[in-house]
Amino acid sequence: MTTAEINTELSEQELVERWRADALERAGYAHDDAVELASRTDIDLHGAVKLLENGCPLETALAILR
């Protein structure tokens, strides 16, 4: 199965959540944390990324976001 075939089987929400999780992982969040945060619509993606970019320790960022 090609990537295109896989992507057509995913809903728009699933694609957005994957994109958000990828962005969070690139910022420094662990995979499981990124997936959890990505699925939450009450969490601002850019704000979550900025926390780490501005030097907030990972555990503190997670405590703030959860």
Foldseek 3Di string as FASTA:
>chain_A
DDPVVVVVPDDPLVVQLVVLLVLLVVLPDDNVLSSVLSNDPVDDSVVLSVCVVVPNDPVVSSVVSD
